[in-house]
């Protein structure tokens, strides 16, 4: 805290600068995250995986019904 006061920055100004710095870091993080997701097509991959899981569940249900019919 003494170093901040030596630079002529008061407590309120230091707090505002801290909040501004954190806001800038968060914005940069969100932008870079969005670019990364877009570049690697992660959103598309996740949606395809969800569709694949749904189809596999349907196949499992059908095969269970077929096994029940064969066994009875």
Protein backbone atom coordinates (compact mmCIF):
# COMPACT_ATOMS: atom_id res chain seq x y z
CA UNK A 1 0.00 0.00 0.00
CA UNK A 2 2.89 2.37 0.74
CA UNK A 3 4.20 1.96 -2.80
CA UNK A 4 0.85 3.00 -4.20
CA UNK A 5 0.75 6.08 -2.00
CA UNK A 6 4.29 7.01 -3.01
CA UNK A 7 3.19 7.10 -6.64
CA UNK A 8 0.56 9.68 -5.80
CA UNK A 9 -2.39 7.34 -6.19
CA UNK A 10 -4.99 7.44 -3.46
CA UNK A 11 -6.89 4.46 -2.10
CA UNK A 12 -10.02 5.15 -4.15
CA UNK A 13 -8.08 5.70 -7.36
CA UNK A 14 -6.11 2.49 -6.79
CA UNK A 15 -9.35 0.57 -6.25
CA UNK A 16 -10.86 1.98 -9.45
CA UNK A 17 -7.70 1.10 -11.38
CA UNK A 18 -7.81 -2.43 -9.94
CA UNK A 19 -11.44 -2.86 -11.00
CA UNK A 20 -10.66 -1.48 -14.46
CA UNK A 21 -7.70 -3.83 -14.81
CA UNK A 22 -9.80 -6.83 -13.77
CA UNK A 23 -12.54 -5.85 -16.22
CA UNK A 24 -10.02 -5.61 -19.07
CA UNK A 25 -8.53 -9.01 -18.18
CA UNK A 26 -12.00 -10.61 -18.09
CA UNK A 27 -12.93 -9.09 -21.46
CA UNK A 28 -9.68 -10.30 -23.04
CA UNK A 29 -10.26 -13.78 -21.58
CA UNK A 30 -13.80 -13.97 -22.98
CA UNK A 31 -12.70 -12.79 -26.43
CA UNK A 32 -9.82 -15.25 -26.58
CA UNK A 33 -12.09 -18.04 -25.31
CA UNK A 34 -14.63 -17.30 -28.02
CA UNK A 35 -11.92 -17.29 -30.69
CA UNK A 36 -10.52 -20.58 -29.41
CA UNK A 37 -13.94 -22.24 -29.40
CA UNK A 38 -14.62 -20.96 -32.90
CA UNK A 39 -11.22 -21.94 -34.32
CA UNK A 40 -11.26 -25.49 -32.96
CA UNK A 41 -15.02 -25.84 -33.69
CA UNK A 42 -15.59 -27.05 -30.13
CA UNK A 43 -19.24 -25.93 -30.07
CA UNK A 44 -19.94 -27.96 -33.21
CA UNK A 45 -18.14 -30.99 -31.82
CA UNK A 46 -20.17 -30.84 -28.60
CA UNK A 47 -23.47 -30.65 -30.50
CA UNK A 48 -22.44 -33.62 -32.67
CA UNK A 49 -21.53 -35.61 -29.57
CA UNK A 50 -24.93 -34.85 -28.04
CA UNK A 51 -26.64 -36.11 -31.20
CA UNK A 52 -24.44 -39.21 -31.19
CA UNK A 53 -25.32 -39.98 -27.56
CA UNK A 54 -29.02 -39.63 -28.34
CA UNK A 55 -28.74 -41.98 -31.32
CA UNK A 56 -26.78 -44.53 -29.30
CA UNK A 57 -29.45 -44.48 -26.60
CA UNK A 58 -32.13 -45.10 -29.22
CA UNK A 59 -30.12 -48.00 -30.67
CA UNK A 60 -29.71 -49.46 -27.17
CA UNK A 61 -33.46 -49.27 -26.52
CA UNK A 62 -34.24 -50.97 -29.85
CA UNK A 63 -31.71 -53.74 -29.23
CA UNK A 64 -33.11 -54.34 -25.73
CA UNK A 65 -36.60 -54.70 -27.19
CA UNK A 66 -35.32 -57.09 -29.84
CA UNK A 67 -33.54 -59.19 -27.19
CA UNK A 68 -36.71 -59.34 -25.11
CA UNK A 69 -38.68 -60.53 -28.14
CA UNK A 70 -36.11 -63.21 -28.97
CA UNK A 71 -35.91 -64.48 -25.38
CA UNK A 72 -39.69 -64.68 -24.90
